[in-house]
Amino acid sequence: MSAIADFSTYKVISPIRSALEDDTQVTVLWLDGRTSPYHLLWLRDNCPCSRCVYSVTREQVVEILDIPEDIQAARVTLTDDGNLDILWQDGHASTYDAGWLRAHAYDEESLAERERLKPKKRLWGSSLAVPAFHYTDVMADDAALLAWLLAVRDTGLSLIHGVPTESGALVPVAKRISFIRESNFGTLFDVQSKVDADSNAYTAFNLPLHTDLPTRELQPGLQFLHCLVNDARGGSSTFVDGFKLAEVLREEDPQSFEILTTLPIEFRNRGRSSDYRYQAPIIALGENQEVTEIRMANFLRGPFSTLPATMPLLYRAYRRFITLTRDVRFRYRQRLEAGQLWCFDNRRALHARDEFDPASGARHFQGCYVDRDELHSRIRVLQR
C-alpha cells in the first residue's frame, strides 16, 4: 500500500534519532533533543496509507470505531530515508513522514512552539500606516495578492489604489480571494443616499462606528467598499481597531470586559420583507481568551435584557466601550476617493462615515462581503 501525500509539504526540521515503543505509545527522539510521544491509537487513526486515505480527496475513509481501542504494534522501525514505520499486530502497515510527524507533535514543547508561531494581530490606533496596494499588482501577481491578504489578516484594514471606477469593478478583486457572500442587500450593494432606504447606510447622515450585519449568526468576515465617485462634501471614513479597544478595556476595566464578553446583546435588522435578529456578546473570545470578534452597531441594537442587578453594570460597560470608540487615540480617518477600495475585517475593524451633503455632489460606493474562512484558505493555498 502506498502512502497518500498531504496537499501540503512538511519540512524535516530535525531528523528522527530513534523511536521507542511500549503498550500505549511510540516515543520519538529527535536529533535536536526534543522528545515527542504519540499514542498508538493516534498513530493508527492517522495512518496515511491508501486503504485509510482516498488518494483523490486526501480525506480519511477509515472510521475511528473500525480501529480497536487497544491497538498494538508488532514492530516499530525507521526507514532508510528517516521515516517511521509501524507494522500493527493485525497485519496493517503504516509509514509516517518525519516532517509530518514533527508538524503534528503534541508534546508540551511542540504545542508551545506552534502557539508562538501563530500569526500575530498587529493592533493599531490613529497613527496607523494603512497597508496599501495597487489594483494591477493584486490582479496579476500572486505574490502581491498574498502580501495584500496577509495584511488584511494581520492588520484588519487595507487600501487598494487604481481600481477602475466602473460599476462592478470590485467583483473581480473580491473573487481573487473567493466567491462573494450574498445577503438580503444583494451580492453587490450600492451605498448611495436614497429616499426609500432600508438601512441607515443608504442615507446621508452620520453612521457611527459599527460592524456590518451583527444581526446574523455569522457576521461577514471581510467587507469591501469601492468608491466610484465622491464629489459630495463630507462623508469621510473612520476606522477603529476593535481588538485594540478590547485589550485596552481588558487592562483598564476588567469588570466591563467580563460583562461584554459574557452577556448576550440582541441586534435586530427589520425591514418590510425581512426580520433578522441575533444575540451574542459584543466581544467574542477564543479558547485561549484571545479576542476573535467584535459585534457592534448601536443603530441595530435591541433593548438590553438582563437581570435587574446586572442592568447598571451592562450599561456602564457598554458606555465605556462606546467612549473608547470616540477616543481620538484610536480613530483612523481618511476620505476615500474615486478608484480607491477599502478591504477590512468586518469582525474586527469598526467603521463609520461622516454625514455628507448629497446636494453638493455625487457619492457612490459599492460594497460586498467575503467570509474570513475564504481569506485563510486562499492564504494557505498561495503559501504552499
Foldseek 3Di string as FASTA:
>chain_A
DDFADDPDDFDQPFFFPDWDDDQFWIWTQTPVGDIFTDGPLRCVQPFRDCVQAPNPVRDGDDDSVVADPRWGFPDWDADPVRWIWTQTPVRDIGIGDNRVCLCPGDDPVSVVVVVVPPQAADAAAAPDPAAEEEPVCCLPPLVSVLVVLVSQVRDFKHKYFQQALDPPSCLSVVPSLNQFDADPCGQKHKQDADDPDLDPSNHQAKFAWFFPPLLDPDGFFKKKKAWNADQWPFWWKKKFFQQVLLVVCCVPPVLLSVCQAPFWWKFWRDDPPDIGIDIHRQWHADPVRRTDFGHDGVVRTDDDDDDPVCVVSNVVSVVSSVVVSPPNRGMHIDGDHHRMMMMGGSRTMTMIIHRTDCVRDGTMMMMTGDHPVSSVVSSVVSVD
